[in-house]
């Protein structure tokens, strides 16, 4: 409560001073009615409304930070509460018939207060829209974060499917070719068995960085699963994709990664495959890519 008074002292002090000033003016200009002359129904309605408005004011000031919205709403409540307070005083104090200024004190603050509260509600709506947009963006960032691979700085399989779906739609709309390349590390399980899981993780991280360096800025690389990577190549035909796949395979074979414990070089090799998108969805395209990769492995074994 102390922090409330300190933060909004001017608003609360202004309301109290205005209410006291109105009371003193009425007392100076009129006479107090007898008990039997008081209309207690009006007192309950007008006085109760004034108390409720003051309660709203306290809840508003306690529940919201200082700012334009709080200032407009609080001032609107102050004017409205003051109007109801002056209207309630009229039930206790009889003013002379020639006093017409009391109508201004009772009625004029009400529309001013309603106008201020309307402006406050408008800016509150704008504020809520901005907050909702920020929350939506934050939720989107969190959702996208969950789509990233836990080990490498690449996106995962779920994000690959979403990106591939969007890329297929864009490629058809622009009538441009779209190709995908798969890079699968051969016998990677031997690295984990011989050097341990930690060493295998470092190898995957190094390969991910290497592949990124050998791709173009518009290309998108994902880690599909385990030791398999997939690159989405927009505006790329099958011939160019096959050439890029060969360059990626060569870069993996040339990687000079050395183990942590003994510093020996880990000789890596990869099987690659490239296909160009046809009139198909992302699931069919990935299935055809995996089939091409499976067919490339026996050929590699025979050539070895």
Protein backbone atom coordinates (compact mmCIF):
# COMPACT_ATOMS: atom_id res chain seq x y z
CA UNK A 1 0.00 0.00 0.00
CA UNK A 2 2.90 2.34 0.71
CA UNK A 3 4.29 1.78 -2.78
CA UNK A 4 0.83 2.48 -4.22
CA UNK A 5 0.61 5.83 -2.39
CA UNK A 6 4.13 6.73 -3.38
CA UNK A 7 3.67 5.88 -7.06
CA UNK A 8 0.24 7.48 -7.55
CA UNK A 9 0.27 10.10 -4.78
CA UNK A 10 -0.70 12.93 -7.13
CA UNK A 11 -3.76 11.10 -8.49
CA UNK A 12 -5.07 10.04 -5.09
CA UNK A 13 -4.25 13.37 -3.46
CA UNK A 14 -5.99 15.26 -6.23
CA UNK A 15 -9.16 13.18 -5.81
CA UNK A 16 -9.20 13.63 -2.03
CA UNK A 17 -8.59 17.39 -2.27
CA UNK A 18 -11.29 17.78 -4.93
CA UNK A 19 -13.79 15.81 -2.84
CA UNK A 20 -13.01 17.88 0.26
CA UNK A 21 -13.21 21.12 -1.71
CA UNK A 22 -16.61 20.13 -3.06
CA UNK A 23 -17.81 19.27 0.43
CA UNK A 24 -16.63 22.62 1.83
CA UNK A 25 -18.27 24.54 -1.01
CA UNK A 26 -21.59 22.77 -0.41
CA UNK A 27 -21.37 23.35 3.34
CA UNK A 28 -20.57 27.02 2.84
CA UNK A 29 -23.38 27.59 0.36
CA UNK A 30 -26.17 25.43 1.77
CA UNK A 31 -27.77 23.91 4.86
CA UNK A 32 -27.62 20.34 6.14
CA UNK A 33 -30.94 18.53 5.73
CA UNK A 34 -32.83 16.93 8.55
CA UNK A 35 -32.65 13.15 8.89
CA UNK A 36 -36.22 12.66 7.66
CA UNK A 37 -35.60 14.73 4.52
CA UNK A 38 -32.78 12.55 3.21
CA UNK A 39 -33.62 10.22 0.33
CA UNK A 40 -31.68 7.17 1.40
CA UNK A 41 -32.40 5.31 -1.84
CA UNK A 42 -30.53 8.01 -3.78
CA UNK A 43 -27.78 8.02 -1.17
CA UNK A 44 -27.32 4.28 -1.52
CA UNK A 45 -27.28 4.44 -5.29
CA UNK A 46 -25.08 7.48 -5.76
CA UNK A 47 -22.86 6.92 -2.73
CA UNK A 48 -22.48 3.22 -3.46
CA UNK A 49 -21.51 3.99 -7.06
CA UNK A 50 -18.91 6.48 -5.82
CA UNK A 51 -17.42 3.89 -3.45
CA UNK A 52 -17.31 1.25 -6.21
CA UNK A 53 -15.55 3.69 -8.55
CA UNK A 54 -13.00 4.43 -5.82
CA UNK A 55 -12.50 0.69 -5.38
CA UNK A 56 -11.92 0.33 -9.12
CA UNK A 57 -9.41 3.16 -8.93
CA UNK A 58 -7.45 1.45 -6.12
CA UNK A 59 -7.44 -1.89 -7.98
CA UNK A 60 -6.33 -0.17 -11.20
CA UNK A 61 -3.45 1.65 -9.52
CA UNK A 62 -2.34 -1.48 -7.67
CA UNK A 63 -2.61 -3.78 -10.67
CA UNK A 64 -1.07 -1.74 -13.48
CA UNK A 65 2.28 -0.02 -13.95
CA UNK A 66 2.45 3.71 -14.45
CA UNK A 67 1.91 4.83 -18.01
CA UNK A 68 -0.47 6.47 -20.44
CA UNK A 69 -3.19 3.84 -20.12
CA UNK A 70 -3.10 3.89 -16.31
CA UNK A 71 -3.11 7.69 -16.28
CA UNK A 72 -6.11 7.99 -18.60
CA UNK A 73 -8.15 5.32 -16.83
CA UNK A 74 -7.35 6.65 -13.36
CA UNK A 75 -8.19 10.23 -14.31
CA UNK A 76 -11.43 9.05 -15.89
CA UNK A 77 -12.37 7.19 -12.71
CA UNK A 78 -11.44 10.22 -10.61
CA UNK A 79 -13.70 12.56 -12.61
CA UNK A 80 -16.55 10.05 -12.57
CA UNK A 81 -16.18 9.35 -8.85
CA UNK A 82 -16.06 13.09 -8.12
CA UNK A 83 -19.27 13.58 -10.10
CA UNK A 84 -21.03 10.86 -8.12
CA UNK A 85 -19.65 12.29 -4.86
CA UNK A 86 -21.05 15.73 -5.60
CA UNK A 87 -24.37 14.18 -6.62
CA UNK A 88 -24.43 12.29 -3.31
CA UNK A 89 -23.70 15.48 -1.31
CA UNK A 90 -26.80 17.00 -2.84
CA UNK A 91 -28.83 14.48 -0.85
CA UNK A 92 -27.43 15.76 2.46
CA UNK A 93 -27.03 19.50 1.83
CA UNK A 94 -29.79 21.78 0.59
CA UNK A 95 -28.53 24.52 -1.70
CA UNK A 96 -30.43 27.74 -2.41
CA UNK A 97 -32.59 27.78 -5.53
CA UNK A 98 -30.47 30.46 -7.19
CA UNK A 99 -27.36 28.24 -7.01
CA UNK A 100 -27.01 26.80 -10.48
CA UNK A 101 -23.29 26.06 -10.31
CA UNK A 102 -24.01 22.80 -8.46
CA UNK A 103 -25.33 21.29 -11.70
CA UNK A 104 -21.94 21.87 -13.27
CA UNK A 105 -20.13 20.21 -10.37
CA UNK A 106 -22.46 17.22 -10.48
CA UNK A 107 -22.80 16.63 -14.23
CA UNK A 108 -19.82 18.20 -16.03
CA UNK A 109 -17.13 15.86 -14.60
CA UNK A 110 -19.10 12.78 -15.68
CA UNK A 111 -18.73 13.12 -19.50
CA UNK A 112 -15.11 14.23 -19.05
CA UNK A 113 -14.43 11.11 -17.00
CA UNK A 114 -16.21 8.87 -19.51
CA UNK A 115 -14.22 10.42 -22.37
CA UNK A 116 -10.92 9.86 -20.53
CA UNK A 117 -11.85 6.25 -19.76
CA UNK A 118 -12.83 5.70 -23.39
CA UNK A 119 -9.42 6.96 -24.52
CA UNK A 120 -7.80 4.77 -21.88
CA UNK A 121 -9.71 1.70 -23.07
CA UNK A 122 -8.68 2.45 -26.66
CA UNK A 123 -5.00 2.65 -25.76
CA UNK A 124 -5.41 -0.42 -23.53
CA UNK A 125 -6.71 -2.33 -26.54
CA UNK A 126 -3.72 -1.19 -28.60
CA UNK A 127 -1.41 -2.21 -25.76
CA UNK A 128 -3.01 -5.67 -25.51
CA UNK A 129 -2.64 -6.15 -29.24
CA UNK A 130 1.06 -5.29 -29.02
CA UNK A 131 1.51 -7.66 -26.08
CA UNK A 132 -0.36 -10.42 -27.91
CA UNK A 133 1.86 -9.93 -30.95
CA UNK A 134 4.98 -10.10 -28.80
CA UNK A 135 3.70 -13.26 -27.12
CA UNK A 136 2.91 -14.77 -30.51
CA UNK A 137 6.43 -14.03 -31.74
CA UNK A 138 7.92 -15.38 -28.52
CA UNK A 139 5.85 -18.55 -28.81
CA UNK A 140 6.93 -18.89 -32.44
CA UNK A 141 10.60 -18.51 -31.45
CA UNK A 142 10.18 -21.13 -28.73
CA UNK A 143 8.38 -23.44 -31.12
CA UNK A 144 11.09 -22.97 -33.75
CA UNK A 145 13.73 -23.50 -31.07
CA UNK A 146 12.25 -26.92 -30.33
CA UNK A 147 12.64 -27.74 -34.04
CA UNK A 148 16.41 -27.29 -33.87
CA UNK A 149 18.78 -30.16 -33.39
CA UNK A 150 20.08 -30.57 -29.84
CA UNK A 151 23.65 -31.32 -30.89
CA UNK A 152 24.45 -29.31 -33.99
CA UNK A 153 23.50 -25.72 -34.92
CA UNK A 154 21.17 -27.12 -37.57
CA UNK A 155 17.45 -27.61 -37.77
CA UNK A 156 15.96 -31.04 -37.21
CA UNK A 157 13.78 -33.37 -39.23
CA UNK A 158 10.49 -31.68 -38.33
CA UNK A 159 11.71 -28.28 -39.44
CA UNK A 160 13.13 -29.85 -42.62
CA UNK A 161 9.69 -31.13 -43.58
CA UNK A 162 8.07 -27.75 -42.91
CA UNK A 163 10.75 -25.86 -44.83
CA UNK A 164 10.64 -28.34 -47.69
CA UNK A 165 6.88 -28.02 -47.93
CA UNK A 166 7.16 -24.23 -48.21
CA UNK A 167 10.04 -24.48 -50.67
CA UNK A 168 8.04 -26.80 -52.94
CA UNK A 169 5.14 -24.34 -53.03
CA UNK A 170 7.49 -21.46 -53.77
CA UNK A 171 9.34 -23.41 -56.48
CA UNK A 172 6.08 -24.22 -58.26
CA UNK A 173 4.87 -20.63 -58.00
CA UNK A 174 8.16 -19.27 -59.41
CA UNK A 175 8.57 -22.19 -61.85
CA UNK A 176 12.10 -22.78 -60.62
CA UNK A 177 13.83 -26.12 -59.98
CA UNK A 178 14.34 -27.39 -56.45
CA UNK A 179 16.75 -30.14 -55.46
CA UNK A 180 17.68 -31.91 -52.25
CA UNK A 181 20.97 -33.57 -51.33
CA UNK A 182 21.50 -36.22 -48.67
CA UNK A 183 24.90 -36.73 -46.99
CA UNK A 184 25.24 -39.89 -44.95
CA UNK A 185 28.47 -40.63 -43.02
CA UNK A 186 29.66 -44.18 -43.69
CA UNK A 187 30.38 -46.48 -40.73
CA UNK A 188 29.99 -43.64 -38.28
CA UNK A 189 29.05 -46.09 -35.54
CA UNK A 190 32.70 -47.23 -35.53
CA UNK A 191 33.72 -43.73 -34.41
CA UNK A 192 31.46 -43.97 -31.38
CA UNK A 193 32.63 -47.48 -30.59
CA UNK A 194 36.33 -46.70 -30.92
CA UNK A 195 36.53 -43.16 -29.53
CA UNK A 196 33.38 -42.75 -27.46
CA UNK A 197 30.14 -40.82 -27.69
CA UNK A 198 31.69 -37.45 -26.89
CA UNK A 199 34.17 -37.76 -29.73
CA UNK A 200 31.39 -38.80 -32.07
CA UNK A 201 29.38 -35.71 -31.10
CA UNK A 202 32.34 -33.47 -31.86
CA UNK A 203 32.74 -35.12 -35.25
CA UNK A 204 29.08 -34.46 -36.09
CA UNK A 205 29.46 -30.83 -35.05
CA UNK A 206 32.59 -30.45 -37.18
CA UNK A 207 30.90 -32.07 -40.19
CA UNK A 208 27.87 -29.78 -39.78
CA UNK A 209 30.10 -26.70 -39.82
CA UNK A 210 32.04 -28.05 -42.79
CA UNK A 211 28.91 -28.69 -44.84
CA UNK A 212 27.59 -25.22 -44.06
CA UNK A 213 30.83 -23.68 -45.32
CA UNK A 214 30.48 -25.57 -48.60
CA UNK A 215 26.88 -24.54 -49.25
CA UNK A 216 25.50 -21.32 -50.66
CA UNK A 217 23.76 -18.66 -48.62
CA UNK A 218 20.33 -19.55 -49.97
CA UNK A 219 20.73 -23.26 -49.20
CA UNK A 220 19.35 -24.79 -46.01
CA UNK A 221 21.04 -27.67 -44.18
CA UNK A 222 19.30 -29.92 -41.65
CA UNK A 223 20.31 -32.92 -39.63
CA UNK A 224 17.76 -35.53 -40.58
CA UNK A 225 18.75 -38.21 -38.09
CA UNK A 226 21.93 -39.55 -36.52
CA UNK A 227 24.74 -39.15 -39.03
CA UNK A 228 22.55 -38.13 -41.98
CA UNK A 229 22.25 -34.56 -43.26
CA UNK A 230 19.94 -33.11 -45.90
CA UNK A 231 20.48 -29.87 -47.83
CA UNK A 232 17.63 -28.08 -49.61
CA UNK A 233 18.91 -26.31 -52.74
CA UNK A 234 16.50 -23.74 -54.23
CA UNK A 235 16.81 -22.72 -57.89
CA UNK A 236 19.02 -25.75 -58.49
CA UNK A 237 18.59 -28.40 -61.20
CA UNK A 238 19.52 -32.04 -60.80
CA UNK A 239 22.81 -31.77 -62.69
CA UNK A 240 24.06 -28.92 -60.51
CA UNK A 241 22.78 -30.70 -57.39
CA UNK A 242 24.76 -33.84 -58.28
CA UNK A 243 27.87 -31.73 -58.73
CA UNK A 244 27.37 -30.05 -55.37
CA UNK A 245 26.75 -33.43 -53.73
CA UNK A 246 30.10 -34.68 -55.06
CA UNK A 247 31.83 -31.59 -53.68
CA UNK A 248 30.24 -32.15 -50.29
CA UNK A 249 31.37 -35.79 -50.28
CA UNK A 250 34.90 -34.69 -51.16
CA UNK A 251 34.94 -32.07 -48.39
CA UNK A 252 33.99 -34.73 -45.81
CA UNK A 253 36.74 -37.01 -47.06
CA UNK A 254 39.24 -34.13 -46.76
CA UNK A 255 38.23 -33.20 -43.22
CA UNK A 256 41.29 -33.35 -40.97
CA UNK A 257 39.56 -34.00 -37.65
CA UNK A 258 41.82 -35.38 -34.93
CA UNK A 259 40.75 -37.22 -31.79
CA UNK A 260 41.00 -35.53 -28.42
CA UNK A 261 42.98 -38.20 -26.59
CA UNK A 262 45.66 -39.31 -29.05
CA UNK A 263 45.42 -36.67 -31.76
CA UNK A 264 45.07 -39.21 -34.54
CA UNK A 265 43.18 -38.21 -37.65
CA UNK A 266 39.73 -39.71 -38.11
CA UNK A 267 39.29 -40.69 -41.72
CA UNK A 268 35.70 -40.01 -42.71
CA UNK A 269 33.78 -40.83 -45.86
CA UNK A 270 30.19 -40.17 -46.86
CA UNK A 271 27.61 -41.43 -49.30
CA UNK A 272 25.67 -38.73 -51.09
CA UNK A 273 22.57 -38.63 -53.24
CA UNK A 274 20.75 -35.83 -55.02
CA UNK A 275 17.29 -35.67 -56.55
CA UNK A 276 15.30 -32.87 -58.12
CA UNK A 277 11.74 -32.23 -56.97
CA UNK A 278 8.97 -33.35 -59.28
CA UNK A 279 5.21 -32.97 -58.90
CA UNK A 280 5.18 -34.44 -55.38
CA UNK A 281 4.90 -33.44 -51.75
CA UNK A 282 7.72 -33.27 -49.22
CA UNK A 283 7.15 -36.79 -47.88
CA UNK A 284 7.36 -38.31 -51.36
CA UNK A 285 10.44 -36.27 -52.18
CA UNK A 286 12.25 -37.37 -49.00
CA UNK A 287 11.26 -40.98 -49.67
CA UNK A 288 12.74 -40.78 -53.16
CA UNK A 289 15.88 -39.16 -51.74
CA UNK A 290 16.31 -41.94 -49.17
CA UNK A 291 15.84 -44.53 -51.91
CA UNK A 292 18.51 -42.86 -54.03
CA UNK A 293 20.84 -42.83 -51.04
CA UNK A 294 20.21 -46.51 -50.37
CA UNK A 295 20.99 -47.31 -54.00
CA UNK A 296 24.21 -45.28 -53.85
CA UNK A 297 25.66 -47.27 -50.93
CA UNK A 298 25.99 -50.62 -52.77
CA UNK A 299 27.62 -48.85 -55.72
CA UNK A 300 30.09 -47.27 -53.34
CA UNK A 301 30.85 -50.64 -51.75
CA UNK A 302 31.43 -52.28 -55.14
CA UNK A 303 33.70 -49.46 -56.28
CA UNK A 304 35.70 -49.83 -53.05
